Protein backbone atom coordinates (compact mmCIF):
# COMPACT_ATOMS: atom_id res chain seq x y z
CA MET A 1 -17.01 17.73 -10.76
CA THR A 2 -14.92 14.55 -11.02
CA LEU A 3 -15.29 11.79 -8.44
CA PRO A 4 -12.09 10.17 -7.12
CA THR A 5 -11.17 6.70 -8.40
CA TYR A 6 -9.58 5.63 -5.11
CA LEU A 7 -8.88 6.96 -1.63
CA GLU A 8 -5.62 6.91 0.30
CA TRP A 9 -6.05 6.12 4.00
CA PRO A 10 -4.36 8.96 5.94
CA ARG A 11 -1.35 6.98 7.14
CA ASP A 12 -0.23 9.32 9.90
CA LEU A 13 -3.49 11.17 10.60
CA ILE A 14 -5.63 8.19 11.65
CA PRO A 15 -3.29 5.25 12.38
CA PRO A 16 -4.55 2.06 14.07
CA ARG A 17 -3.43 0.97 17.53
CA HIS A 18 -2.96 -2.54 16.14
CA PHE A 19 -2.07 -3.37 12.55
CA ASN A 20 -2.16 -6.76 10.83
CA PRO A 21 -0.78 -6.79 7.26
CA GLY A 22 -2.83 -9.94 6.73
CA PHE A 23 -0.78 -11.61 4.02
CA THR A 24 -2.39 -14.99 3.24
CA PRO A 25 0.00 -17.33 1.39
CA GLN A 26 -1.56 -19.55 -1.29
CA SER A 27 -5.07 -18.12 -0.98
CA ALA A 28 -7.62 -20.88 -0.58
CA GLY A 29 -11.33 -20.11 -0.64
CA GLY A 30 -13.33 -17.92 1.67
CA ASN A 31 -13.74 -14.20 1.09
CA GLN A 32 -11.50 -13.48 -1.89
CA LEU A 33 -11.49 -11.00 -4.74
CA SER A 34 -11.43 -12.09 -8.33
CA ILE A 35 -9.39 -10.21 -10.93
CA SER A 36 -12.56 -8.23 -11.67
CA GLY A 37 -12.71 -7.13 -8.03
CA ARG A 38 -15.84 -9.15 -7.16
CA LEU A 39 -16.08 -10.80 -3.76
CA ASN A 40 -16.91 -14.44 -2.95
CA ASN A 41 -15.75 -16.04 -6.18
CA GLY A 42 -14.69 -19.24 -4.41
CA GLY A 43 -11.00 -18.53 -4.24
CA VAL A 44 -8.24 -17.17 -6.44
CA PRO A 45 -5.39 -19.54 -7.36
CA SER A 46 -2.30 -17.50 -6.58
CA PHE A 47 0.81 -17.09 -4.49
CA GLY A 48 -1.05 -15.09 -1.88
CA LEU A 49 -3.54 -12.37 -1.06
CA TRP A 50 -3.48 -9.39 1.29
CA LYS A 51 -6.17 -9.08 3.97
CA PRO A 52 -5.01 -6.13 6.10
CA SER A 53 -6.90 -5.16 9.23
CA PHE A 54 -6.88 -2.21 11.62
CA GLU A 55 -7.86 -2.78 15.25
CA GLU A 56 -8.88 -0.04 17.67
CA VAL A 57 -8.43 2.95 15.40
CA PRO A 58 -8.59 6.04 17.66
CA VAL A 59 -11.07 8.42 16.04
CA PHE A 60 -11.65 11.63 17.98
CA ASP A 61 -9.17 14.41 17.15
CA TYR A 62 -9.81 13.86 13.45
CA ARG A 63 -13.43 12.72 13.64
CA ASN A 64 -14.48 14.98 10.76
CA SER A 65 -11.76 13.56 8.52
CA PHE A 66 -12.95 10.04 9.29
CA ILE A 67 -16.56 10.93 8.47
CA ALA A 68 -15.34 12.38 5.15
CA ILE A 69 -13.59 9.08 4.38
CA GLU A 70 -16.78 7.15 5.06
CA GLY A 71 -18.73 9.40 2.71
CA GLN A 72 -16.27 9.00 -0.14
CA VAL A 73 -15.74 5.24 0.16
CA LEU A 74 -19.47 4.48 0.26
CA GLY A 75 -19.17 0.83 1.28
CA ARG A 76 -17.18 -1.07 -1.32
CA ASN A 77 -17.78 1.54 -4.01
CA LEU A 78 -14.28 3.05 -3.84
CA PRO A 79 -10.95 1.24 -3.42
CA ILE A 80 -8.86 2.26 -0.43
CA MET A 81 -5.08 2.37 -0.48
CA VAL A 82 -4.47 0.71 2.88
CA PRO A 83 -1.00 1.58 4.24
CA TYR A 84 1.53 -0.99 5.37
CA TYR A 85 3.18 0.06 8.64
CA HIS A 86 6.74 -1.30 8.38
CA ASN A 87 8.02 0.43 11.55
CA GLY A 88 11.27 1.30 9.80
CA PHE A 89 11.97 -2.15 8.33
CA TYR A 90 12.77 -1.23 4.74
CA PRO A 91 15.98 -0.67 2.72
CA LYS A 92 16.42 2.90 3.90
CA ALA A 93 19.06 5.01 2.16
CA SER A 94 18.34 8.07 4.28
CA ASP A 95 15.48 9.50 6.31
CA PRO A 96 12.61 11.32 4.58
CA ALA A 97 13.20 15.07 4.62
CA THR A 98 12.06 18.34 3.14
CA ALA A 99 14.12 19.97 0.40
CA THR A 100 14.13 23.21 -1.55
CA PHE A 101 14.93 23.92 -5.19
CA SER A 102 18.58 24.02 -6.24
CA ASP A 103 18.74 27.77 -5.51
CA ASP A 104 17.24 27.23 -2.02
CA SER A 105 13.90 28.72 -3.07
CA THR A 106 10.51 27.23 -2.15
CA PHE A 107 7.05 27.18 -3.69
CA SER A 108 5.11 30.46 -3.69
CA ASP A 109 3.29 29.54 -0.48
CA GLY A 110 6.53 28.77 1.34
CA THR A 111 6.29 25.01 1.15
CA SER A 112 9.11 22.80 -0.07
CA TRP A 113 9.62 19.36 -1.57
CA VAL A 114 9.36 16.18 0.48
CA THR A 115 11.98 13.58 -0.39
CA SER A 116 11.57 9.98 0.72
CA GLY A 117 15.32 9.40 1.02
CA THR A 118 14.98 6.02 -0.72
CA HIS A 119 14.42 5.67 -4.45
CA VAL A 120 13.95 2.42 -6.42
CA ILE A 121 12.51 1.86 -9.91
CA VAL A 122 11.72 -1.12 -12.13
CA LYS A 123 14.67 -1.96 -14.40
CA THR A 124 13.23 -4.46 -16.88
CA PHE A 125 9.71 -5.26 -18.02
CA ALA A 126 7.87 -7.98 -16.09
CA ALA A 127 4.45 -9.23 -17.18
CA ALA A 128 1.44 -9.58 -14.93
CA GLY A 129 1.61 -12.95 -13.19
CA ALA A 130 5.41 -12.91 -12.86
CA THR A 131 7.03 -13.61 -9.49
CA GLN A 132 10.43 -12.11 -10.32
CA LEU A 133 11.24 -8.43 -10.63
CA THR A 134 14.55 -6.70 -11.38
CA VAL A 135 14.94 -3.22 -9.94
CA THR A 136 17.39 -0.35 -10.14
CA LYS A 137 18.53 0.99 -6.76
CA ILE A 138 18.98 4.74 -7.21
CA ALA A 139 19.16 5.40 -3.48
CA CYS A 140 18.65 2.22 -1.51
CA ASP A 141 20.26 0.06 1.15
CA THR A 142 20.36 -3.76 1.04
CA ILE A 143 16.98 -5.28 0.14
CA GLN A 144 16.10 -8.19 2.43
CA THR A 145 13.56 -10.99 2.64
CA GLY A 146 10.39 -9.62 4.22
CA HIS A 147 10.71 -6.09 2.88
CA VAL A 148 7.42 -4.83 1.43
CA PHE A 149 6.90 -2.45 -1.49
CA THR A 150 4.20 -1.05 -3.74
CA THR A 151 4.28 -0.59 -7.49
CA GLY A 152 1.27 0.32 -9.58
CA MET A 153 -1.04 0.51 -6.51
CA HIS A 154 -0.42 -3.18 -5.73
CA MET A 155 1.72 -4.42 -2.84
CA TYR A 156 4.27 -7.21 -2.71
CA LYS A 157 6.67 -8.75 -0.22
CA VAL A 158 10.19 -9.94 -0.97
CA ARG A 159 10.43 -13.72 -0.65
CA SER A 160 14.12 -13.80 -1.53
CA VAL A 161 16.79 -11.85 -3.35
CA VAL A 162 18.65 -13.55 -6.20
CA ASP A 163 22.40 -13.84 -5.53
CA GLY A 164 24.47 -10.97 -6.76
CA GLN A 165 22.59 -7.95 -5.36
CA SER A 166 24.70 -4.88 -5.96
CA SER A 167 24.53 -1.28 -4.81
CA THR A 168 22.65 -0.38 -7.99
CA GLU A 169 20.57 -3.44 -8.90
CA ALA A 170 18.66 -6.37 -7.39
CA THR A 171 16.49 -9.18 -8.72
CA LEU A 172 13.65 -10.03 -6.36
CA ILE A 173 11.45 -13.09 -5.96
CA ILE A 174 8.12 -11.72 -4.78
CA ALA A 175 4.68 -12.70 -3.51
CA PRO A 176 1.97 -12.40 -4.54
CA GLU A 177 2.50 -12.51 -8.29
CA LEU A 178 2.42 -9.21 -10.19
CA ARG A 179 -1.17 -8.00 -10.50
CA ALA A 180 -0.29 -5.89 -13.54
CA ASP A 181 2.61 -5.39 -15.95
CA ALA A 182 5.64 -3.67 -14.41
CA LEU A 183 7.23 -1.24 -16.85
CA PRO A 184 10.79 0.13 -16.83
CA ARG A 185 11.07 3.22 -14.60
CA ASP A 186 7.86 2.44 -12.67
CA GLU A 187 8.28 3.51 -9.05
CA VAL A 188 8.97 0.79 -6.48
CA ASP A 189 7.95 2.32 -3.16
CA PHE A 190 9.52 0.75 -0.05
CA VAL A 191 9.01 3.87 2.07
CA TYR A 192 5.23 4.27 1.96
CA PRO A 193 3.84 0.93 0.74
CA ALA A 194 0.08 0.48 0.51
CA VAL A 195 -2.28 -2.03 -1.07
CA LYS A 196 -5.42 -1.32 -3.09
CA SER A 197 -8.22 -2.86 -1.05
CA ARG A 198 -11.96 -2.96 -0.40
CA LEU A 199 -13.86 -3.21 2.85
CA ILE A 200 -14.96 -6.76 3.62
CA ASP A 201 -18.01 -5.38 5.41
CA PRO A 202 -19.62 -2.67 3.23
CA ALA A 203 -20.89 -0.94 6.38
CA GLY A 204 -17.53 -1.27 8.13
CA LEU A 205 -16.92 2.48 8.35
CA SER A 206 -20.28 3.15 9.98
CA VAL A 207 -19.28 3.23 13.66
CA ALA A 208 -20.82 4.18 16.99
CA PHE A 209 -19.29 7.22 18.68
CA GLN A 210 -19.19 7.47 22.47
CA TYR A 211 -20.85 10.77 23.41
CA ASN A 212 -20.78 11.44 19.67
CA VAL A 213 -17.06 12.18 20.00
CA TYR A 214 -14.90 9.10 20.60
CA ALA A 215 -14.67 5.79 18.77
CA PHE A 216 -12.15 2.94 18.53
CA PRO A 217 -13.44 0.90 15.56
CA THR A 218 -11.87 -2.12 13.87
CA PHE A 219 -11.75 -2.50 10.09
CA ALA A 220 -11.07 -5.51 7.87
CA PHE A 221 -10.00 -5.10 4.25
CA ILE A 222 -9.31 -7.43 1.36
CA GLU A 223 -7.00 -6.82 -1.58
CA ASP A 224 -8.58 -5.60 -4.78
CA THR A 225 -6.52 -7.55 -7.30
CA SER A 226 -8.07 -5.91 -10.35
CA PRO A 227 -5.56 -4.06 -12.56
CA THR A 228 -5.51 -0.32 -12.03
CA VAL A 229 -7.11 1.53 -14.93
């Protein structure tokens, strides 16, 4: 049996009532993560750090799923891919949809493909620590300041777009700096962005249930800046 190396928070299954992306520009002391992923290292000189938080997460219909998440995460033992809820503010080419094979067939169990409707990839190599990234827009609308994306399990926001954005290419100034090398053809996900994080409180997922059924807990996360292995 192989243990998972990270867990993806179920974006649509257990969404929070209130979401704070928690981007902290020019991180300065306090609870931070070093490149190794350790907490409380006295601050990380950088162009920013993500500290997302969920407030009043309704846990009742999917209580069992939540308990399973707690068991897998085991405090800070397992990174969590914490979703960014953009509420439709991204360079959408078309809405996500299901699709079949070219001959209209499906998988053997009747399921079909899910297409995001928006497709962007890295165009040219950018080294870890860079704050500029050139991308190829395969299916993508105009990229704007404030748009958020994930590549390589790390999340970034667009600070500005270099003049000359075309329908097929854009050069982005981003924050924070790249946590790992970006390679040509790496996916740049504007549709379902998420950031690799750890719980600030190791016991944060241990919550009290009303009548052993209902709970509305609040969770605080902090970006795990360590490169993904």
